[in-house]
Amino acid sequence: MAIPEYVAALRTKIGHDPLPLPGVIAVVLDERDRVLLVRRSDTSDWALTTGCLEPGEQPAAGAIREVHEETGLDVTVERLLCAEALDLSVAPNGDQIYWLAIGLLCRSTGGTARVNDDESIDVAWFEADAVPPLPPHQQRCLTLATTTPGRARKGRPGDPPVDEGQLSK
C-alpha cells in the first residue's frame, strides 16, 4: 500500500514508533444496494475501500477521493456511520499505527467499478448477505450501513438529503 508523502516525512523523524492517523472506510452501495469490495494486493483479502486522510482533508472528501483512486467510481457521501479508534496495528515494514477509522455510507453515482491502482487486484459488487469475511471494524461499518432502521436507498419520506459539508464540520 502506498504511504502518503506526509506520513513518510513523519516516519523519517519518528521511525516505526506509534503514529495516530485518520482514515476513512467507504461502504459503497449501488442502486441495488449491493456492496462494493476490493481485493487487496498486499493480503489478497476482500475489503471495503479504505484510505488515509491527507492533512486538512475532510472525511467525506477523502472517501470520495479514495473510492475514485482505487475503483474509478464516482460516489456521493450519504452519512456518517461510525468513528472508531482501532487497536495498535503494525504494518509489514514495522510501522506502528493507531487508526481513527471514520466509516461513511456512500452511493455510487457514475463510472464502472474496476481495479484503478496498485492497491487492489480485483473489484466486485456483492449482495449484503454474501459479503466475504471482513476485518471486524469494517464488518461493523457494513452492518451499520445495511441494518440501520430507515436506511433506504432514497431515505425515508421527508428526510432531507445529506449535505457533504455536514460531515466536515
N, C-alpha and C. Protein backbone atom coordinates (compact mmCIF):
# COMPACT_ATOMS: atom_id res chain seq x y z
N MET A 1 0.84 -1.17 0.00
CA MET A 1 0.00 0.00 0.00
C MET A 1 0.89 1.24 0.00
N ALA A 2 0.50 2.20 -0.76
CA ALA A 2 1.28 3.43 -0.88
C ALA A 2 1.24 4.20 0.43
N ILE A 3 2.40 4.71 0.83
CA ILE A 3 2.49 5.52 2.03
C ILE A 3 2.42 6.99 1.61
N PRO A 4 1.44 7.75 2.15
CA PRO A 4 1.35 9.17 1.80
C PRO A 4 2.66 9.89 2.13
N GLU A 5 2.99 10.89 1.31
CA GLU A 5 4.24 11.63 1.49
C GLU A 5 4.38 12.20 2.89
N TYR A 6 3.31 12.75 3.44
CA TYR A 6 3.42 13.36 4.77
C TYR A 6 3.72 12.32 5.84
N VAL A 7 3.20 11.10 5.68
CA VAL A 7 3.50 10.03 6.63
C VAL A 7 4.95 9.60 6.48
N ALA A 8 5.42 9.47 5.25
CA ALA A 8 6.83 9.11 5.03
C ALA A 8 7.75 10.16 5.67
N ALA A 9 7.40 11.44 5.55
CA ALA A 9 8.21 12.50 6.16
C ALA A 9 8.21 12.38 7.68
N LEU A 10 7.05 12.10 8.27
CA LEU A 10 6.98 11.91 9.72
C LEU A 10 7.80 10.70 10.14
N ARG A 11 7.75 9.64 9.36
CA ARG A 11 8.49 8.42 9.71
C ARG A 11 10.00 8.64 9.72
N THR A 12 10.51 9.60 8.93
CA THR A 12 11.95 9.89 8.98
C THR A 12 12.33 10.48 10.32
N LYS A 13 11.36 11.04 11.03
CA LYS A 13 11.62 11.66 12.33
C LYS A 13 11.34 10.71 13.49
N ILE A 14 10.29 9.87 13.35
CA ILE A 14 9.89 9.03 14.49
C ILE A 14 10.14 7.55 14.27
N GLY A 15 10.65 7.20 13.11
CA GLY A 15 10.90 5.79 12.83
C GLY A 15 9.61 4.99 12.82
N HIS A 16 9.64 3.83 13.46
CA HIS A 16 8.47 2.93 13.48
C HIS A 16 7.57 3.15 14.69
N ASP A 17 7.86 4.17 15.51
CA ASP A 17 7.06 4.42 16.71
C ASP A 17 5.60 4.62 16.36
N PRO A 18 4.70 4.40 17.35
CA PRO A 18 3.27 4.55 17.08
C PRO A 18 2.92 5.95 16.57
N LEU A 19 2.07 5.98 15.57
CA LEU A 19 1.63 7.22 14.95
C LEU A 19 0.11 7.16 14.82
N PRO A 20 -0.60 8.15 15.38
CA PRO A 20 -2.05 8.18 15.17
C PRO A 20 -2.36 8.75 13.79
N LEU A 21 -3.21 8.07 13.05
CA LEU A 21 -3.58 8.51 11.70
C LEU A 21 -5.08 8.42 11.49
N PRO A 22 -5.67 9.43 10.83
CA PRO A 22 -7.08 9.35 10.49
C PRO A 22 -7.27 8.63 9.16
N GLY A 23 -8.26 7.77 9.12
CA GLY A 23 -8.55 7.05 7.88
C GLY A 23 -10.04 6.96 7.66
N VAL A 24 -10.41 6.68 6.42
CA VAL A 24 -11.82 6.51 6.07
C VAL A 24 -12.09 5.10 5.62
N ILE A 25 -13.31 4.66 5.89
CA ILE A 25 -13.83 3.39 5.39
C ILE A 25 -15.09 3.74 4.62
N ALA A 26 -15.09 3.48 3.32
CA ALA A 26 -16.24 3.81 2.49
C ALA A 26 -17.08 2.56 2.24
N VAL A 27 -18.30 2.56 2.74
CA VAL A 27 -19.25 1.49 2.42
C VAL A 27 -20.02 2.00 1.21
N VAL A 28 -19.66 1.49 0.03
CA VAL A 28 -20.25 1.96 -1.22
C VAL A 28 -21.35 0.99 -1.64
N LEU A 29 -22.55 1.56 -1.85
CA LEU A 29 -23.69 0.78 -2.31
C LEU A 29 -24.09 1.27 -3.70
N ASP A 30 -24.58 0.35 -4.51
CA ASP A 30 -25.09 0.73 -5.83
C ASP A 30 -26.61 0.87 -5.76
N GLU A 31 -27.24 1.05 -6.92
CA GLU A 31 -28.69 1.26 -6.96
C GLU A 31 -29.47 0.04 -6.50
N ARG A 32 -28.83 -1.14 -6.47
CA ARG A 32 -29.48 -2.37 -6.00
C ARG A 32 -29.07 -2.70 -4.57
N ASP A 33 -28.38 -1.78 -3.91
CA ASP A 33 -27.88 -1.94 -2.54
C ASP A 33 -26.82 -3.04 -2.42
N ARG A 34 -26.15 -3.34 -3.53
CA ARG A 34 -25.00 -4.25 -3.46
C ARG A 34 -23.82 -3.47 -2.89
N VAL A 35 -22.89 -4.19 -2.28
CA VAL A 35 -21.73 -3.61 -1.61
C VAL A 35 -20.49 -3.76 -2.49
N LEU A 36 -19.76 -2.68 -2.64
CA LEU A 36 -18.52 -2.70 -3.41
C LEU A 36 -17.37 -3.14 -2.52
N LEU A 37 -16.61 -4.14 -2.97
CA LEU A 37 -15.42 -4.58 -2.26
C LEU A 37 -14.24 -4.58 -3.22
N VAL A 38 -13.05 -4.41 -2.64
CA VAL A 38 -11.80 -4.54 -3.39
C VAL A 38 -11.02 -5.70 -2.79
N ARG A 39 -10.28 -6.42 -3.63
CA ARG A 39 -9.38 -7.47 -3.14
C ARG A 39 -8.00 -6.84 -3.05
N ARG A 40 -7.51 -6.72 -1.82
CA ARG A 40 -6.26 -6.02 -1.56
C ARG A 40 -5.06 -6.73 -2.17
N SER A 41 -4.14 -5.96 -2.75
CA SER A 41 -2.96 -6.56 -3.37
C SER A 41 -1.95 -7.06 -2.34
N ASP A 42 -1.98 -6.51 -1.12
CA ASP A 42 -0.99 -6.93 -0.11
C ASP A 42 -1.38 -8.20 0.63
N THR A 43 -2.68 -8.49 0.75
CA THR A 43 -3.12 -9.66 1.51
C THR A 43 -4.01 -10.60 0.71
N SER A 44 -4.50 -10.16 -0.44
CA SER A 44 -5.49 -10.88 -1.26
C SER A 44 -6.84 -11.01 -0.57
N ASP A 45 -7.05 -10.31 0.53
CA ASP A 45 -8.33 -10.34 1.23
C ASP A 45 -9.29 -9.33 0.62
N TRP A 46 -10.58 -9.62 0.67
CA TRP A 46 -11.60 -8.66 0.27
C TRP A 46 -11.76 -7.64 1.38
N ALA A 47 -12.02 -6.39 1.00
CA ALA A 47 -12.17 -5.31 1.97
C ALA A 47 -13.04 -4.20 1.39
N LEU A 48 -13.58 -3.39 2.28
CA LEU A 48 -14.21 -2.15 1.86
C LEU A 48 -13.11 -1.20 1.40
N THR A 49 -13.46 -0.18 0.65
CA THR A 49 -12.47 0.80 0.23
C THR A 49 -12.07 1.64 1.44
N THR A 50 -10.76 1.73 1.67
CA THR A 50 -10.24 2.47 2.82
C THR A 50 -9.07 3.34 2.38
N GLY A 51 -8.71 4.27 3.25
CA GLY A 51 -7.53 5.07 2.95
C GLY A 51 -7.24 6.08 4.04
N CYS A 52 -6.06 6.62 3.97
CA CYS A 52 -5.57 7.61 4.92
C CYS A 52 -5.97 9.01 4.44
N LEU A 53 -6.47 9.81 5.36
CA LEU A 53 -6.80 11.19 5.01
C LEU A 53 -5.53 12.02 4.88
N GLU A 54 -5.54 12.95 3.96
CA GLU A 54 -4.45 13.90 3.80
C GLU A 54 -4.60 14.99 4.86
N PRO A 55 -3.52 15.70 5.22
CA PRO A 55 -3.65 16.77 6.21
C PRO A 55 -4.70 17.79 5.78
N GLY A 56 -5.63 18.08 6.68
CA GLY A 56 -6.67 19.05 6.42
C GLY A 56 -7.82 18.55 5.56
N GLU A 57 -7.76 17.32 5.10
CA GLU A 57 -8.81 16.78 4.23
C GLU A 57 -10.02 16.36 5.07
N GLN A 58 -11.19 16.74 4.62
CA GLN A 58 -12.41 16.35 5.30
C GLN A 58 -12.72 14.87 5.00
N PRO A 59 -13.33 14.16 5.96
CA PRO A 59 -13.62 12.74 5.74
C PRO A 59 -14.42 12.45 4.48
N ALA A 60 -15.46 13.23 4.20
CA ALA A 60 -16.28 12.96 3.01
C ALA A 60 -15.43 13.11 1.75
N ALA A 61 -14.62 14.15 1.68
CA ALA A 61 -13.76 14.36 0.51
C ALA A 61 -12.75 13.22 0.39
N GLY A 62 -12.22 12.76 1.52
CA GLY A 62 -11.26 11.66 1.49
C GLY A 62 -11.88 10.37 1.01
N ALA A 63 -13.11 10.09 1.44
CA ALA A 63 -13.79 8.88 0.98
C ALA A 63 -14.05 8.94 -0.52
N ILE A 64 -14.52 10.07 -1.00
CA ILE A 64 -14.77 10.25 -2.44
C ILE A 64 -13.47 10.05 -3.22
N ARG A 65 -12.38 10.64 -2.74
CA ARG A 65 -11.08 10.52 -3.41
C ARG A 65 -10.60 9.07 -3.41
N GLU A 66 -10.64 8.42 -2.26
CA GLU A 66 -10.14 7.04 -2.16
C GLU A 66 -10.94 6.08 -3.05
N VAL A 67 -12.26 6.20 -3.05
CA VAL A 67 -13.06 5.31 -3.89
C VAL A 67 -12.70 5.52 -5.36
N HIS A 68 -12.58 6.77 -5.77
CA HIS A 68 -12.25 7.04 -7.17
C HIS A 68 -10.84 6.52 -7.51
N GLU A 69 -9.86 6.79 -6.63
CA GLU A 69 -8.49 6.34 -6.89
C GLU A 69 -8.40 4.82 -7.01
N GLU A 70 -9.11 4.12 -6.14
CA GLU A 70 -8.98 2.66 -6.10
C GLU A 70 -9.89 1.93 -7.07
N THR A 71 -11.05 2.50 -7.40
CA THR A 71 -12.03 1.76 -8.19
C THR A 71 -12.52 2.47 -9.44
N GLY A 72 -12.20 3.75 -9.59
CA GLY A 72 -12.67 4.51 -10.74
C GLY A 72 -14.10 4.99 -10.63
N LEU A 73 -14.78 4.63 -9.54
CA LEU A 73 -16.17 5.04 -9.36
C LEU A 73 -16.29 6.45 -8.79
N ASP A 74 -17.36 7.12 -9.18
CA ASP A 74 -17.74 8.38 -8.56
C ASP A 74 -18.81 8.04 -7.53
N VAL A 75 -18.72 8.68 -6.36
CA VAL A 75 -19.69 8.43 -5.29
C VAL A 75 -20.08 9.75 -4.63
N THR A 76 -21.21 9.70 -3.96
CA THR A 76 -21.59 10.76 -3.04
C THR A 76 -21.63 10.14 -1.65
N VAL A 77 -21.43 10.97 -0.65
CA VAL A 77 -21.48 10.51 0.73
C VAL A 77 -22.87 10.81 1.28
N GLU A 78 -23.52 9.76 1.80
CA GLU A 78 -24.87 9.93 2.35
C GLU A 78 -24.85 10.26 3.83
N ARG A 79 -23.99 9.55 4.60
CA ARG A 79 -23.98 9.83 6.03
C ARG A 79 -22.80 9.18 6.73
N LEU A 80 -22.57 9.68 7.91
CA LEU A 80 -21.56 9.13 8.80
C LEU A 80 -22.11 7.84 9.42
N LEU A 81 -21.30 6.79 9.41
CA LEU A 81 -21.70 5.53 10.05
C LEU A 81 -21.09 5.38 11.43
N CYS A 82 -19.79 5.67 11.54
CA CYS A 82 -19.10 5.47 12.81
C CYS A 82 -17.75 6.18 12.80
N ALA A 83 -17.24 6.40 13.98
CA ALA A 83 -15.86 6.87 14.17
C ALA A 83 -15.31 6.01 15.30
N GLU A 84 -14.23 5.30 15.02
CA GLU A 84 -13.74 4.31 15.96
C GLU A 84 -12.22 4.34 16.04
N ALA A 85 -11.70 4.43 17.26
CA ALA A 85 -10.26 4.31 17.47
C ALA A 85 -9.93 2.82 17.50
N LEU A 86 -9.04 2.41 16.58
CA LEU A 86 -8.68 1.00 16.48
C LEU A 86 -7.47 0.68 17.34
N ASP A 87 -7.32 -0.58 17.68
CA ASP A 87 -6.14 -1.03 18.43
C ASP A 87 -4.89 -0.79 17.60
N LEU A 88 -3.76 -0.77 18.25
CA LEU A 88 -2.48 -0.59 17.59
C LEU A 88 -2.30 -1.66 16.51
N SER A 89 -1.93 -1.21 15.30
CA SER A 89 -1.63 -2.16 14.23
C SER A 89 -0.17 -1.96 13.82
N VAL A 90 0.40 -3.02 13.29
CA VAL A 90 1.79 -2.96 12.84
C VAL A 90 1.83 -3.36 11.37
N ALA A 91 2.35 -2.45 10.55
CA ALA A 91 2.46 -2.71 9.11
C ALA A 91 3.59 -3.71 8.86
N PRO A 92 3.60 -4.34 7.69
CA PRO A 92 4.66 -5.31 7.38
C PRO A 92 6.08 -4.73 7.52
N ASN A 93 6.22 -3.42 7.32
CA ASN A 93 7.55 -2.80 7.44
C ASN A 93 7.90 -2.43 8.87
N GLY A 94 7.00 -2.70 9.83
CA GLY A 94 7.25 -2.41 11.24
C GLY A 94 6.64 -1.11 11.73
N ASP A 95 6.08 -0.31 10.85
CA ASP A 95 5.43 0.93 11.28
C ASP A 95 4.24 0.60 12.17
N GLN A 96 4.14 1.30 13.31
CA GLN A 96 3.04 1.13 14.24
C GLN A 96 2.04 2.28 14.04
N ILE A 97 0.74 1.92 13.99
CA ILE A 97 -0.29 2.91 13.68
C ILE A 97 -1.48 2.71 14.59
N TYR A 98 -1.96 3.83 15.12
CA TYR A 98 -3.26 3.88 15.79
C TYR A 98 -4.21 4.58 14.83
N TRP A 99 -5.07 3.82 14.18
CA TRP A 99 -6.01 4.39 13.22
C TRP A 99 -7.24 4.94 13.93
N LEU A 100 -7.68 6.11 13.52
CA LEU A 100 -9.01 6.61 13.82
C LEU A 100 -9.80 6.36 12.55
N ALA A 101 -10.64 5.35 12.57
CA ALA A 101 -11.38 4.92 11.38
C ALA A 101 -12.74 5.59 11.34
N ILE A 102 -13.00 6.33 10.27
CA ILE A 102 -14.25 7.04 10.08
C ILE A 102 -15.02 6.35 8.96
N GLY A 103 -16.12 5.71 9.32
CA GLY A 103 -16.93 4.98 8.36
C GLY A 103 -18.01 5.86 7.76
N LEU A 104 -18.12 5.83 6.44
CA LEU A 104 -19.10 6.65 5.72
C LEU A 104 -19.89 5.80 4.74
N LEU A 105 -21.20 6.03 4.71
CA LEU A 105 -22.05 5.37 3.73
C LEU A 105 -22.00 6.19 2.45
N CYS A 106 -21.64 5.55 1.36
CA CYS A 106 -21.52 6.21 0.06
C CYS A 106 -22.43 5.53 -0.95
N ARG A 107 -22.80 6.29 -1.95
CA ARG A 107 -23.66 5.78 -3.01
C ARG A 107 -22.96 5.99 -4.34
N SER A 108 -22.88 4.95 -5.16
CA SER A 108 -22.27 5.05 -6.49
C SER A 108 -23.11 5.97 -7.36
N THR A 109 -22.44 6.92 -8.05
CA THR A 109 -23.15 7.85 -8.92
C THR A 109 -22.68 7.81 -10.36
N GLY A 110 -21.59 7.09 -10.63
CA GLY A 110 -21.12 7.03 -12.01
C GLY A 110 -19.82 6.26 -12.11
N GLY A 111 -19.51 5.90 -13.34
CA GLY A 111 -18.29 5.15 -13.60
C GLY A 111 -18.55 3.65 -13.56
N THR A 112 -17.53 2.90 -13.86
CA THR A 112 -17.59 1.44 -13.84
C THR A 112 -16.54 0.94 -12.87
N ALA A 113 -16.96 0.09 -11.93
CA ALA A 113 -16.03 -0.43 -10.93
C ALA A 113 -14.95 -1.25 -11.61
N ARG A 114 -13.70 -0.92 -11.30
CA ARG A 114 -12.55 -1.62 -11.88
C ARG A 114 -11.34 -1.43 -10.97
N VAL A 115 -10.34 -2.25 -11.16
CA VAL A 115 -9.07 -2.03 -10.48
C VAL A 115 -8.46 -0.78 -11.11
N ASN A 116 -8.20 0.22 -10.29
CA ASN A 116 -7.77 1.52 -10.81
C ASN A 116 -6.41 1.94 -10.29
N ASP A 117 -5.78 1.14 -9.43
CA ASP A 117 -4.44 1.43 -8.94
C ASP A 117 -3.79 0.13 -8.50
N ASP A 118 -2.61 0.23 -7.89
CA ASP A 118 -1.89 -0.98 -7.50
C ASP A 118 -2.25 -1.49 -6.10
N GLU A 119 -3.24 -0.87 -5.46
CA GLU A 119 -3.62 -1.29 -4.11
C GLU A 119 -4.57 -2.48 -4.10
N SER A 120 -5.14 -2.79 -5.27
CA SER A 120 -6.06 -3.93 -5.31
C SER A 120 -5.84 -4.74 -6.58
N ILE A 121 -6.31 -6.00 -6.51
CA ILE A 121 -6.17 -6.90 -7.65
C ILE A 121 -7.52 -7.29 -8.25
N ASP A 122 -8.60 -6.90 -7.57
CA ASP A 122 -9.93 -7.19 -8.07
C ASP A 122 -10.91 -6.23 -7.40
N VAL A 123 -12.01 -5.99 -8.06
CA VAL A 123 -13.10 -5.15 -7.56
C VAL A 123 -14.39 -5.85 -7.95
N ALA A 124 -15.35 -5.93 -7.01
CA ALA A 124 -16.60 -6.61 -7.32
C ALA A 124 -17.73 -6.10 -6.42
N TRP A 125 -18.95 -6.28 -6.92
CA TRP A 125 -20.16 -5.98 -6.15
C TRP A 125 -20.67 -7.26 -5.52
N PHE A 126 -21.12 -7.17 -4.27
CA PHE A 126 -21.64 -8.32 -3.52
C PHE A 126 -22.99 -7.97 -2.94
N GLU A 127 -23.88 -8.95 -2.91
CA GLU A 127 -25.11 -8.79 -2.13
C GLU A 127 -24.69 -8.68 -0.67
N ALA A 128 -25.41 -7.87 0.10
CA ALA A 128 -25.01 -7.63 1.50
C ALA A 128 -24.91 -8.91 2.32
N ASP A 129 -25.76 -9.89 2.03
CA ASP A 129 -25.73 -11.14 2.79
C ASP A 129 -24.72 -12.15 2.23
N ALA A 130 -23.96 -11.77 1.20
CA ALA A 130 -22.98 -12.68 0.60
C ALA A 130 -21.58 -12.09 0.61
N VAL A 131 -21.35 -11.09 1.45
CA VAL A 131 -20.03 -10.47 1.54
C VAL A 131 -19.08 -11.44 2.22
N PRO A 132 -17.88 -11.62 1.65
CA PRO A 132 -16.89 -12.49 2.31
C PRO A 132 -16.45 -11.89 3.64
N PRO A 133 -15.73 -12.66 4.46
CA PRO A 133 -15.29 -12.14 5.75
C PRO A 133 -14.48 -10.84 5.60
N LEU A 134 -14.77 -9.90 6.49
CA LEU A 134 -14.08 -8.61 6.52
C LEU A 134 -13.41 -8.43 7.87
N PRO A 135 -12.42 -7.54 7.97
CA PRO A 135 -11.88 -7.21 9.29
C PRO A 135 -13.03 -6.73 10.20
N PRO A 136 -12.95 -6.99 11.49
CA PRO A 136 -14.08 -6.67 12.39
C PRO A 136 -14.56 -5.22 12.31
N HIS A 137 -13.65 -4.26 12.25
CA HIS A 137 -14.09 -2.86 12.21
C HIS A 137 -14.81 -2.54 10.89
N GLN A 138 -14.41 -3.18 9.79
CA GLN A 138 -15.12 -2.98 8.53
C GLN A 138 -16.47 -3.66 8.56
N GLN A 139 -16.54 -4.83 9.17
CA GLN A 139 -17.83 -5.53 9.28
C GLN A 139 -18.81 -4.70 10.10
N ARG A 140 -18.33 -4.05 11.16
CA ARG A 140 -19.21 -3.19 11.96
C ARG A 140 -19.77 -2.05 11.11
N CYS A 141 -18.92 -1.43 10.28
CA CYS A 141 -19.40 -0.36 9.39
C CYS A 141 -20.44 -0.89 8.42
N LEU A 142 -20.17 -2.02 7.82
CA LEU A 142 -21.11 -2.61 6.86
C LEU A 142 -22.44 -2.92 7.53
N THR A 143 -22.39 -3.47 8.72
CA THR A 143 -23.61 -3.79 9.46
C THR A 143 -24.41 -2.53 9.73
N LEU A 144 -23.75 -1.46 10.14
CA LEU A 144 -24.44 -0.20 10.37
C LEU A 144 -25.07 0.34 9.09
N ALA A 145 -24.39 0.16 7.97
CA ALA A 145 -24.89 0.67 6.70
C ALA A 145 -26.08 -0.12 6.18
N THR A 146 -26.12 -1.40 6.48
CA THR A 146 -27.15 -2.25 5.87
C THR A 146 -28.27 -2.67 6.80
N THR A 147 -28.18 -2.34 8.09
CA THR A 147 -29.23 -2.76 9.01
C THR A 147 -29.85 -1.62 9.79
N THR A 148 -29.33 -0.41 9.66
CA THR A 148 -29.88 0.72 10.40
C THR A 148 -31.32 0.98 9.98
N PRO A 149 -32.26 1.04 10.94
CA PRO A 149 -33.65 1.31 10.57
C PRO A 149 -33.74 2.63 9.80
N GLY A 150 -34.56 2.62 8.76
CA GLY A 150 -34.76 3.83 7.98
C GLY A 150 -33.73 4.02 6.88
N ARG A 151 -32.74 3.12 6.81
CA ARG A 151 -31.75 3.26 5.75
C ARG A 151 -32.35 2.64 4.50
N ALA A 152 -32.85 3.48 3.68
CA ALA A 152 -33.40 3.02 2.41
C ALA A 152 -32.64 3.73 1.31
N ARG A 153 -32.75 3.19 0.12
CA ARG A 153 -31.96 3.72 -0.98
C ARG A 153 -32.16 5.23 -1.14
N LYS A 154 -33.36 5.71 -0.99
CA LYS A 154 -33.61 7.14 -1.17
C LYS A 154 -34.01 7.81 0.13
N GLY A 155 -33.78 7.17 1.26
CA GLY A 155 -34.15 7.76 2.53
C GLY A 155 -35.63 7.58 2.80
N ARG A 156 -36.04 8.00 3.98
CA ARG A 156 -37.46 7.95 4.32
C ARG A 156 -38.15 9.17 3.77
N PRO A 157 -39.42 9.08 3.51
CA PRO A 157 -40.14 10.26 3.03
C PRO A 157 -39.95 11.42 4.00
N GLY A 158 -39.62 12.56 3.44
CA GLY A 158 -39.43 13.76 4.26
C GLY A 158 -38.01 13.96 4.75
N ASP A 159 -37.15 12.94 4.65
CA ASP A 159 -35.75 13.10 5.07
C ASP A 159 -35.03 13.99 4.07
N PRO A 160 -34.33 15.02 4.56
CA PRO A 160 -33.56 15.84 3.63
C PRO A 160 -32.32 15.09 3.19
N PRO A 161 -31.78 15.40 2.01
CA PRO A 161 -30.53 14.77 1.59
C PRO A 161 -29.40 15.23 2.51
N VAL A 162 -28.39 14.41 2.66
CA VAL A 162 -27.25 14.76 3.48
C VAL A 162 -26.33 15.67 2.70
N ASP A 163 -25.99 16.79 3.29
CA ASP A 163 -25.03 17.73 2.70
C ASP A 163 -23.64 17.26 3.12
N GLU A 164 -22.75 16.98 2.14
CA GLU A 164 -21.40 16.52 2.48
C GLU A 164 -20.71 17.49 3.42
N GLY A 165 -21.05 18.76 3.36
CA GLY A 165 -20.46 19.74 4.25
C GLY A 165 -20.81 19.48 5.71
N GLN A 166 -21.96 18.81 5.98
CA GLN A 166 -22.33 18.49 7.35
C GLN A 166 -21.33 17.53 7.96
N LEU A 167 -20.69 16.70 7.15
CA LEU A 167 -19.73 15.73 7.65
C LEU A 167 -18.36 16.34 7.85
N SER A 168 -18.20 17.60 7.45
CA SER A 168 -16.88 18.21 7.55
C SER A 168 -16.84 19.29 8.61
N LYS A 169 -17.88 19.41 9.40
CA LYS A 169 -17.90 20.44 10.45
C LYS A 169 -17.57 19.85 11.78
